[in-house]
Amino acid sequence: MVLLQPDPFLNELKSMFERSTETGSVWVTLKRSSLKSKVQRNKMKTAGQTIEYRCLIRATDGKKTISTSVGAKDHQRFQASYATILKAHMTALKKRERKDRKKAAEDKKDSGSKKPKRV
């Protein structure tokens, strides 16, 4: 697994999506990480030091795996770029069928009317 800087990671993610347009999938996972071992974190806690947590992002297409780590300062900029890439490459999704608003309102009125009870 290759740990890239955020910008090269986004470029590689874009090319990964382009390679898998016809067949295949791309899996992206995000998780909180400090990039330190458990022993190091415990030592930092006992010493009273603060632990800086980062967002670890991994992407794979089954053949190649890439990853990056994003800090809190760069998170919004990275997330905006990541969202743009996702929107551009999710072309296989079907659009939701929406009812006409007038028809929907009429359907509500018809189903909402109460029928008198027979005794």
Protein backbone atom coordinates (compact mmCIF):
# COMPACT_ATOMS: atom_id res chain seq x y z
CA MET A 1 0.00 0.00 0.00
CA VAL A 2 1.33 3.40 -1.00
CA LEU A 3 0.84 6.41 1.29
CA LEU A 4 0.49 9.43 -0.99
CA GLN A 5 0.07 13.14 -0.41
CA PRO A 6 -3.60 14.27 -0.79
CA ASP A 7 -3.29 15.83 -4.28
CA PRO A 8 -1.52 12.87 -5.96
CA PHE A 9 -3.99 10.59 -4.17
CA LEU A 10 -6.93 12.43 -5.76
CA ASN A 11 -5.27 12.24 -9.19
CA GLU A 12 -4.68 8.51 -8.80
CA LEU A 13 -8.23 8.01 -7.51
CA LYS A 14 -9.55 9.79 -10.59
CA SER A 15 -7.56 7.52 -12.91
CA MET A 16 -8.72 4.49 -10.89
CA PHE A 17 -12.35 5.51 -11.46
CA GLU A 18 -11.69 6.02 -15.17
CA ARG A 19 -10.11 2.55 -15.51
CA SER A 20 -13.12 0.92 -13.88
CA THR A 21 -15.89 2.65 -15.87
CA GLU A 22 -16.76 -0.35 -18.05
CA THR A 23 -16.26 -3.16 -15.54
CA GLY A 24 -15.14 -3.26 -11.95
CA SER A 25 -15.58 -1.27 -8.78
CA VAL A 26 -13.58 1.08 -6.61
CA TRP A 27 -13.82 0.80 -2.83
CA VAL A 28 -12.99 3.81 -0.70
CA THR A 29 -12.73 3.62 3.09
CA LEU A 30 -12.20 6.41 5.60
CA LYS A 31 -11.22 6.00 9.24
CA ARG A 32 -9.74 7.92 12.12
CA SER A 33 -6.08 7.22 12.78
CA SER A 34 -3.19 8.72 14.66
CA LEU A 35 -0.59 6.93 12.48
CA LYS A 36 1.14 5.81 15.65
CA SER A 37 1.31 2.41 17.25
CA LYS A 38 -0.69 1.61 20.35
CA VAL A 39 2.47 1.61 22.47
CA GLN A 40 3.43 5.09 21.27
CA ARG A 41 -0.10 6.40 21.92
CA ASN A 42 -0.05 5.00 25.48
CA LYS A 43 3.33 6.65 26.13
CA MET A 44 2.00 9.97 24.85
CA LYS A 45 -1.09 9.69 27.08
CA THR A 46 0.98 9.01 30.20
CA ALA A 47 3.32 11.90 29.32
CA GLY A 48 0.31 14.20 28.95
CA GLN A 49 0.88 14.94 25.29
CA THR A 50 -2.07 15.43 22.97
CA ILE A 51 -2.57 12.95 20.18
CA GLU A 52 -3.37 14.43 16.78
CA TYR A 53 -5.85 12.24 14.97
CA ARG A 54 -5.99 12.29 11.19
CA CYS A 55 -8.33 10.85 8.59
CA LEU A 56 -6.85 7.82 6.81
CA ILE A 57 -8.36 7.31 3.35
CA ARG A 58 -7.77 4.12 1.39
CA ALA A 59 -8.92 3.25 -2.11
CA THR A 60 -8.63 0.01 -4.04
CA ASP A 61 -9.88 -1.45 -7.27
CA GLY A 62 -8.93 -5.00 -6.33
CA LYS A 63 -5.53 -4.77 -8.04
CA LYS A 64 -3.98 -1.59 -6.72
CA THR A 65 -4.33 0.02 -3.29
CA ILE A 66 -3.56 3.65 -2.52
CA SER A 67 -3.95 5.67 0.65
CA THR A 68 -3.46 9.11 2.12
CA SER A 69 -3.69 10.82 5.47
CA VAL A 70 -5.48 14.15 5.87
CA GLY A 71 -5.23 16.43 8.88
CA ALA A 72 -7.98 18.59 10.33
CA LYS A 73 -6.63 21.74 8.65
CA ASP A 74 -6.79 20.31 5.11
CA HIS A 75 -9.93 18.23 5.57
CA GLN A 76 -12.47 20.67 4.07
CA ARG A 77 -10.40 21.33 0.95
CA PHE A 78 -9.78 17.61 0.46
CA GLN A 79 -13.44 16.75 1.02
CA ALA A 80 -14.56 19.30 -1.60
CA SER A 81 -12.17 17.87 -4.20
CA TYR A 82 -13.14 14.32 -3.28
CA ALA A 83 -16.85 15.13 -3.66
CA THR A 84 -16.24 16.64 -7.09
CA ILE A 85 -14.48 13.46 -8.25
CA LEU A 86 -17.26 11.25 -6.88
CA LYS A 87 -19.99 13.30 -8.57
CA ALA A 88 -18.15 13.18 -11.89
CA HIS A 89 -17.67 9.40 -11.87
CA MET A 90 -20.98 8.14 -10.49
CA THR A 91 -22.63 8.04 -13.89
CA ALA A 92 -24.04 4.52 -13.57
CA LEU A 93 -26.55 5.49 -10.88
CA LYS A 94 -30.19 5.72 -11.91
CA LYS A 95 -32.13 8.92 -11.30
CA ARG A 96 -35.05 8.73 -8.92
CA GLU A 97 -38.48 8.76 -10.53
CA ARG A 98 -40.48 11.66 -9.14
CA LYS A 99 -44.23 11.99 -9.22
CA ASP A 100 -45.81 15.16 -10.48
CA ARG A 101 -46.65 17.35 -7.47
CA LYS A 102 -50.27 17.84 -8.52
CA LYS A 103 -50.80 14.10 -8.92
CA ALA A 104 -49.17 13.45 -5.56
CA ALA A 105 -51.45 16.00 -3.87
CA GLU A 106 -54.53 14.44 -5.49
CA ASP A 107 -53.46 10.96 -4.41
CA LYS A 108 -53.15 12.19 -0.82
CA LYS A 109 -56.63 13.68 -0.90
CA ASP A 110 -58.15 10.48 -2.27
CA SER A 111 -56.46 8.22 0.26
CA GLY A 112 -57.16 10.64 3.12
CA SER A 113 -60.92 10.75 2.66
CA LYS A 114 -62.75 8.63 5.21
CA LYS A 115 -65.53 6.29 4.27
CA PRO A 116 -68.59 6.15 6.56
CA LYS A 117 -68.83 3.06 8.72
CA ARG A 118 -71.77 0.70 8.36
CA VAL A 119 -73.49 -0.37 11.51
